[in-house]
N, C-alpha and C. Protein backbone atom coordinates (compact mmCIF):
# COMPACT_ATOMS: atom_id res chain seq x y z
N MET A 1 24.50 -33.47 -40.13
CA MET A 1 23.97 -32.68 -41.21
C MET A 1 22.51 -33.01 -41.40
N SER A 2 21.71 -32.00 -41.64
CA SER A 2 20.27 -32.15 -41.80
C SER A 2 19.92 -32.76 -43.14
N GLU A 3 18.75 -33.38 -43.22
CA GLU A 3 18.22 -33.90 -44.47
C GLU A 3 17.62 -32.75 -45.26
N GLY A 4 18.25 -32.31 -46.30
CA GLY A 4 17.71 -31.25 -47.14
C GLY A 4 18.00 -29.87 -46.62
N LEU A 5 17.71 -28.91 -47.47
CA LEU A 5 17.96 -27.51 -47.16
C LEU A 5 16.82 -26.92 -46.34
N PRO A 6 17.12 -26.18 -45.28
CA PRO A 6 16.06 -25.56 -44.48
C PRO A 6 15.43 -24.38 -45.23
N SER A 7 14.24 -24.01 -44.83
CA SER A 7 13.60 -22.81 -45.39
C SER A 7 14.30 -21.58 -44.82
N PHE A 8 14.48 -20.57 -45.65
CA PHE A 8 15.11 -19.34 -45.17
C PHE A 8 14.54 -18.15 -45.92
N SER A 9 14.59 -16.98 -45.27
CA SER A 9 14.11 -15.75 -45.90
C SER A 9 15.25 -14.79 -46.24
N LEU A 10 16.45 -15.09 -45.78
CA LEU A 10 17.63 -14.29 -46.11
C LEU A 10 18.83 -15.22 -46.23
N PHE A 11 19.59 -15.05 -47.30
CA PHE A 11 20.83 -15.79 -47.50
C PHE A 11 21.97 -14.81 -47.37
N ILE A 12 22.99 -15.17 -46.58
CA ILE A 12 24.19 -14.34 -46.44
C ILE A 12 25.38 -15.17 -46.91
N GLY A 13 26.06 -14.69 -47.93
CA GLY A 13 27.24 -15.37 -48.45
C GLY A 13 28.49 -14.70 -47.93
N VAL A 14 29.15 -15.33 -46.96
CA VAL A 14 30.32 -14.75 -46.31
C VAL A 14 31.58 -15.07 -47.10
N GLY A 15 32.44 -14.09 -47.25
CA GLY A 15 33.72 -14.31 -47.90
C GLY A 15 34.14 -13.12 -48.73
N HIS A 16 35.19 -13.32 -49.50
CA HIS A 16 35.73 -12.26 -50.36
C HIS A 16 35.97 -12.86 -51.74
N PRO A 17 35.42 -12.25 -52.77
CA PRO A 17 35.51 -12.83 -54.11
C PRO A 17 36.93 -12.96 -54.66
N PHE A 18 37.89 -12.22 -54.12
CA PHE A 18 39.26 -12.29 -54.62
C PHE A 18 40.15 -13.24 -53.81
N ARG A 19 39.56 -13.99 -52.90
CA ARG A 19 40.36 -14.90 -52.06
C ARG A 19 40.06 -16.36 -52.39
N ARG A 20 40.09 -16.68 -53.65
CA ARG A 20 39.92 -18.05 -54.16
C ARG A 20 38.70 -18.73 -53.57
N ASP A 21 38.86 -19.81 -52.81
CA ASP A 21 37.69 -20.56 -52.31
C ASP A 21 36.87 -19.75 -51.31
N ASP A 22 37.45 -18.72 -50.71
CA ASP A 22 36.70 -17.87 -49.79
C ASP A 22 35.62 -17.07 -50.53
N GLY A 23 35.68 -17.06 -51.84
CA GLY A 23 34.69 -16.34 -52.64
C GLY A 23 33.41 -17.11 -52.90
N VAL A 24 33.29 -18.33 -52.41
CA VAL A 24 32.09 -19.13 -52.69
C VAL A 24 30.83 -18.51 -52.09
N GLY A 25 30.92 -17.93 -50.91
CA GLY A 25 29.75 -17.31 -50.28
C GLY A 25 29.20 -16.17 -51.11
N PRO A 26 30.03 -15.17 -51.48
CA PRO A 26 29.55 -14.09 -52.33
C PRO A 26 29.07 -14.58 -53.70
N TRP A 27 29.72 -15.59 -54.25
CA TRP A 27 29.31 -16.15 -55.53
C TRP A 27 27.89 -16.73 -55.42
N LEU A 28 27.64 -17.51 -54.37
CA LEU A 28 26.29 -18.06 -54.16
C LEU A 28 25.27 -16.96 -53.94
N ALA A 29 25.64 -15.93 -53.18
CA ALA A 29 24.71 -14.82 -52.92
C ALA A 29 24.32 -14.14 -54.23
N ALA A 30 25.27 -13.93 -55.11
CA ALA A 30 24.98 -13.29 -56.39
C ALA A 30 24.04 -14.16 -57.23
N ARG A 31 24.27 -15.46 -57.25
CA ARG A 31 23.41 -16.36 -58.03
C ARG A 31 21.99 -16.39 -57.46
N LEU A 32 21.87 -16.44 -56.15
CA LEU A 32 20.54 -16.45 -55.53
C LEU A 32 19.81 -15.12 -55.73
N ALA A 33 20.54 -14.02 -55.62
CA ALA A 33 19.92 -12.70 -55.85
C ALA A 33 19.43 -12.59 -57.29
N ASN A 34 20.21 -13.10 -58.24
CA ASN A 34 19.79 -13.09 -59.65
C ASN A 34 18.55 -13.94 -59.88
N ALA A 35 18.34 -14.94 -59.03
CA ALA A 35 17.17 -15.81 -59.14
C ALA A 35 15.97 -15.25 -58.38
N GLY A 36 16.13 -14.06 -57.76
CA GLY A 36 15.02 -13.43 -57.08
C GLY A 36 14.95 -13.64 -55.58
N CYS A 37 15.94 -14.30 -55.01
CA CYS A 37 15.97 -14.51 -53.56
C CYS A 37 16.57 -13.29 -52.86
N LYS A 38 16.22 -13.10 -51.60
CA LYS A 38 16.86 -12.06 -50.79
C LYS A 38 18.20 -12.63 -50.34
N ALA A 39 19.26 -12.18 -51.00
CA ALA A 39 20.59 -12.72 -50.75
C ALA A 39 21.61 -11.59 -50.85
N ILE A 40 22.54 -11.58 -49.89
CA ILE A 40 23.55 -10.54 -49.89
C ILE A 40 24.94 -11.14 -49.64
N PRO A 41 25.96 -10.58 -50.31
CA PRO A 41 27.33 -10.97 -49.99
C PRO A 41 27.77 -10.20 -48.74
N HIS A 42 28.68 -10.79 -48.00
CA HIS A 42 29.15 -10.12 -46.78
C HIS A 42 30.61 -10.49 -46.54
N ALA A 43 31.42 -9.51 -46.15
CA ALA A 43 32.85 -9.72 -45.94
C ALA A 43 33.14 -10.57 -44.70
N GLY A 44 32.21 -10.68 -43.76
CA GLY A 44 32.40 -11.54 -42.62
C GLY A 44 32.64 -10.86 -41.30
N ASP A 45 32.62 -9.53 -41.25
CA ASP A 45 32.79 -8.84 -39.98
C ASP A 45 31.67 -9.24 -39.03
N GLY A 46 32.03 -9.83 -37.90
CA GLY A 46 31.05 -10.37 -36.97
C GLY A 46 30.07 -9.37 -36.40
N ALA A 47 30.54 -8.16 -36.11
CA ALA A 47 29.64 -7.15 -35.54
C ALA A 47 28.54 -6.79 -36.52
N VAL A 48 28.88 -6.67 -37.80
CA VAL A 48 27.88 -6.35 -38.81
C VAL A 48 26.97 -7.56 -39.05
N LEU A 49 27.53 -8.77 -39.01
CA LEU A 49 26.70 -9.97 -39.14
C LEU A 49 25.62 -10.00 -38.07
N MET A 50 25.98 -9.65 -36.85
CA MET A 50 25.00 -9.64 -35.77
C MET A 50 23.86 -8.68 -36.08
N GLU A 51 24.15 -7.54 -36.69
CA GLU A 51 23.11 -6.59 -37.09
C GLU A 51 22.19 -7.21 -38.13
N LEU A 52 22.77 -8.00 -39.05
CA LEU A 52 21.97 -8.64 -40.09
C LEU A 52 21.01 -9.69 -39.54
N PHE A 53 21.31 -10.23 -38.36
CA PHE A 53 20.44 -11.24 -37.76
C PHE A 53 19.04 -10.67 -37.50
N ALA A 54 18.93 -9.36 -37.36
CA ALA A 54 17.63 -8.72 -37.12
C ALA A 54 16.85 -8.52 -38.42
N GLU A 55 17.46 -8.79 -39.56
CA GLU A 55 16.84 -8.53 -40.85
C GLU A 55 15.82 -9.59 -41.27
N ALA A 56 15.89 -10.79 -40.69
CA ALA A 56 14.99 -11.86 -41.12
C ALA A 56 14.81 -12.87 -39.99
N GLU A 57 13.73 -13.61 -40.06
CA GLU A 57 13.43 -14.65 -39.06
C GLU A 57 14.19 -15.94 -39.32
N ALA A 58 14.49 -16.22 -40.58
CA ALA A 58 15.17 -17.47 -40.95
C ALA A 58 16.31 -17.15 -41.91
N ILE A 59 17.52 -17.40 -41.47
CA ILE A 59 18.71 -17.02 -42.22
C ILE A 59 19.56 -18.26 -42.52
N LEU A 60 20.09 -18.31 -43.73
CA LEU A 60 21.04 -19.34 -44.13
C LEU A 60 22.33 -18.62 -44.49
N ILE A 61 23.45 -19.05 -43.89
CA ILE A 61 24.75 -18.44 -44.13
C ILE A 61 25.67 -19.46 -44.77
N ALA A 62 26.39 -19.04 -45.80
CA ALA A 62 27.42 -19.89 -46.40
C ALA A 62 28.77 -19.24 -46.17
N ASP A 63 29.72 -20.05 -45.69
CA ASP A 63 31.08 -19.57 -45.46
C ASP A 63 32.03 -20.72 -45.72
N ALA A 64 33.05 -20.51 -46.53
CA ALA A 64 34.05 -21.55 -46.79
C ALA A 64 34.94 -21.70 -45.57
N THR A 65 35.21 -22.93 -45.21
CA THR A 65 36.10 -23.21 -44.08
C THR A 65 37.10 -24.29 -44.48
N GLN A 66 38.13 -24.44 -43.68
CA GLN A 66 39.12 -25.49 -43.91
C GLN A 66 38.82 -26.63 -42.94
N THR A 67 38.63 -27.84 -43.50
CA THR A 67 38.33 -29.01 -42.67
C THR A 67 39.22 -30.16 -43.10
N ASP A 68 39.04 -31.30 -42.45
CA ASP A 68 39.78 -32.50 -42.84
C ASP A 68 39.03 -33.30 -43.91
N ARG A 69 37.86 -32.83 -44.34
CA ARG A 69 37.09 -33.51 -45.38
C ARG A 69 37.58 -33.08 -46.77
N ALA A 70 37.11 -33.77 -47.78
CA ALA A 70 37.49 -33.48 -49.16
C ALA A 70 37.06 -32.06 -49.55
N PRO A 71 37.88 -31.37 -50.36
CA PRO A 71 37.47 -30.05 -50.84
C PRO A 71 36.11 -30.13 -51.51
N GLY A 72 35.28 -29.12 -51.26
CA GLY A 72 33.95 -29.09 -51.82
C GLY A 72 32.89 -29.75 -50.96
N SER A 73 33.30 -30.38 -49.86
CA SER A 73 32.34 -31.00 -48.95
C SER A 73 31.45 -29.93 -48.34
N VAL A 74 30.20 -30.27 -48.10
CA VAL A 74 29.24 -29.32 -47.54
C VAL A 74 28.75 -29.84 -46.20
N SER A 75 28.75 -28.98 -45.21
CA SER A 75 28.19 -29.29 -43.89
C SER A 75 27.08 -28.30 -43.60
N LEU A 76 26.07 -28.74 -42.89
CA LEU A 76 24.96 -27.87 -42.53
C LEU A 76 24.79 -27.94 -41.02
N PHE A 77 24.84 -26.79 -40.37
CA PHE A 77 24.72 -26.72 -38.91
C PHE A 77 23.50 -25.89 -38.54
N ASN A 78 22.73 -26.37 -37.59
CA ASN A 78 21.64 -25.58 -37.03
C ASN A 78 22.24 -24.76 -35.90
N ALA A 79 22.62 -23.54 -36.21
CA ALA A 79 23.31 -22.69 -35.23
C ALA A 79 22.40 -22.21 -34.13
N ARG A 80 21.12 -22.34 -34.30
CA ARG A 80 20.16 -21.98 -33.25
C ARG A 80 20.22 -23.02 -32.12
N GLU A 81 20.50 -24.24 -32.48
CA GLU A 81 20.47 -25.34 -31.51
C GLU A 81 21.84 -25.79 -31.01
N THR A 82 22.89 -25.40 -31.71
CA THR A 82 24.21 -25.90 -31.32
C THR A 82 25.30 -24.87 -31.64
N VAL A 83 26.39 -24.96 -30.93
CA VAL A 83 27.56 -24.12 -31.18
C VAL A 83 28.27 -24.67 -32.42
N LEU A 84 28.73 -23.77 -33.30
CA LEU A 84 29.50 -24.22 -34.45
C LEU A 84 30.77 -24.91 -33.98
N PRO A 85 31.16 -26.00 -34.61
CA PRO A 85 32.38 -26.69 -34.19
C PRO A 85 33.61 -25.79 -34.36
N PRO A 86 34.34 -25.56 -33.27
CA PRO A 86 35.50 -24.65 -33.35
C PRO A 86 36.54 -25.11 -34.35
N ASP A 87 36.71 -26.43 -34.54
CA ASP A 87 37.71 -26.90 -35.49
C ASP A 87 37.29 -26.65 -36.94
N GLU A 88 35.99 -26.47 -37.19
CA GLU A 88 35.51 -26.17 -38.53
C GLU A 88 35.74 -24.70 -38.88
N PHE A 89 35.76 -23.83 -37.90
CA PHE A 89 35.88 -22.39 -38.12
C PHE A 89 37.11 -21.83 -37.43
N ARG A 90 38.17 -22.61 -37.38
CA ARG A 90 39.37 -22.23 -36.64
C ARG A 90 40.21 -21.18 -37.35
N ASN A 91 40.26 -21.21 -38.68
CA ASN A 91 41.07 -20.26 -39.43
C ASN A 91 40.16 -19.26 -40.10
N SER A 92 40.41 -17.99 -39.85
CA SER A 92 39.56 -16.97 -40.44
C SER A 92 40.36 -15.71 -40.70
N THR A 93 40.05 -15.04 -41.78
CA THR A 93 40.65 -13.74 -42.03
C THR A 93 39.86 -12.65 -41.33
N HIS A 94 38.79 -13.05 -40.67
CA HIS A 94 37.92 -12.10 -39.99
C HIS A 94 38.27 -12.11 -38.50
N GLU A 95 38.71 -10.99 -37.97
CA GLU A 95 39.09 -10.91 -36.56
C GLU A 95 37.95 -11.34 -35.65
N PHE A 96 36.78 -10.84 -35.90
CA PHE A 96 35.58 -11.18 -35.14
C PHE A 96 34.63 -11.80 -36.15
N GLY A 97 34.79 -13.11 -36.36
CA GLY A 97 34.12 -13.77 -37.45
C GLY A 97 32.78 -14.40 -37.11
N LEU A 98 32.36 -15.28 -37.98
CA LEU A 98 31.05 -15.89 -37.92
C LEU A 98 30.77 -16.61 -36.61
N GLY A 99 31.67 -17.48 -36.19
CA GLY A 99 31.46 -18.23 -34.95
C GLY A 99 31.30 -17.32 -33.74
N TYR A 100 32.15 -16.32 -33.63
CA TYR A 100 32.05 -15.37 -32.52
C TYR A 100 30.77 -14.55 -32.59
N ALA A 101 30.38 -14.17 -33.82
CA ALA A 101 29.15 -13.39 -33.98
C ALA A 101 27.94 -14.19 -33.51
N ILE A 102 27.89 -15.45 -33.89
CA ILE A 102 26.75 -16.29 -33.48
C ILE A 102 26.72 -16.46 -31.98
N GLU A 103 27.84 -16.76 -31.38
CA GLU A 103 27.85 -16.99 -29.93
C GLU A 103 27.59 -15.71 -29.14
N THR A 104 28.07 -14.57 -29.65
CA THR A 104 27.78 -13.30 -28.98
C THR A 104 26.30 -12.98 -29.09
N ALA A 105 25.73 -13.18 -30.29
CA ALA A 105 24.29 -12.95 -30.46
C ALA A 105 23.47 -13.90 -29.59
N ARG A 106 23.92 -15.15 -29.45
CA ARG A 106 23.23 -16.12 -28.59
C ARG A 106 23.24 -15.61 -27.14
N ALA A 107 24.40 -15.15 -26.68
CA ALA A 107 24.52 -14.67 -25.30
C ALA A 107 23.65 -13.44 -25.06
N LEU A 108 23.46 -12.63 -26.11
CA LEU A 108 22.65 -11.42 -25.99
C LEU A 108 21.18 -11.65 -26.29
N GLY A 109 20.82 -12.91 -26.63
CA GLY A 109 19.44 -13.21 -26.97
C GLY A 109 19.02 -12.60 -28.29
N ARG A 110 19.96 -12.49 -29.25
CA ARG A 110 19.67 -11.81 -30.51
C ARG A 110 19.76 -12.72 -31.72
N LEU A 111 19.65 -14.04 -31.54
CA LEU A 111 19.64 -14.94 -32.70
C LEU A 111 18.27 -14.88 -33.37
N PRO A 112 18.23 -15.02 -34.69
CA PRO A 112 16.94 -15.11 -35.36
C PRO A 112 16.25 -16.43 -35.00
N GLU A 113 14.98 -16.55 -35.32
CA GLU A 113 14.22 -17.77 -35.01
C GLU A 113 14.87 -19.02 -35.60
N ALA A 114 15.43 -18.90 -36.79
CA ALA A 114 16.13 -20.02 -37.44
C ALA A 114 17.44 -19.47 -38.00
N LEU A 115 18.53 -20.18 -37.74
CA LEU A 115 19.84 -19.75 -38.25
C LEU A 115 20.61 -21.00 -38.63
N TRP A 116 20.85 -21.15 -39.91
CA TRP A 116 21.57 -22.30 -40.44
C TRP A 116 22.86 -21.83 -41.08
N VAL A 117 23.93 -22.58 -40.88
CA VAL A 117 25.23 -22.24 -41.46
C VAL A 117 25.73 -23.44 -42.24
């Protein structure tokens, strides 16, 4: 995990507000948008996420995942430099979710200059 929060020009909060802890991404997006940041909630469809990668040079994405760490733990991954850990993103309600979107965009050369998850 990186020391401190990276700079970003777009925040994407992945999840669904009616799915308990999966709603944290949209909740954060709403709070950041209210504070004047460019922030959008997103249901997590990977194909649409890939389109959003063209919207900004530096993107920060929040998505709730199931891990072996304590609930509420936060991890920060530099997705530009490394593949997201498959065990961190193993369960998803999204058929083509965040991990697949990032790796497909990487293979197509379509990642933004900075992408943090």
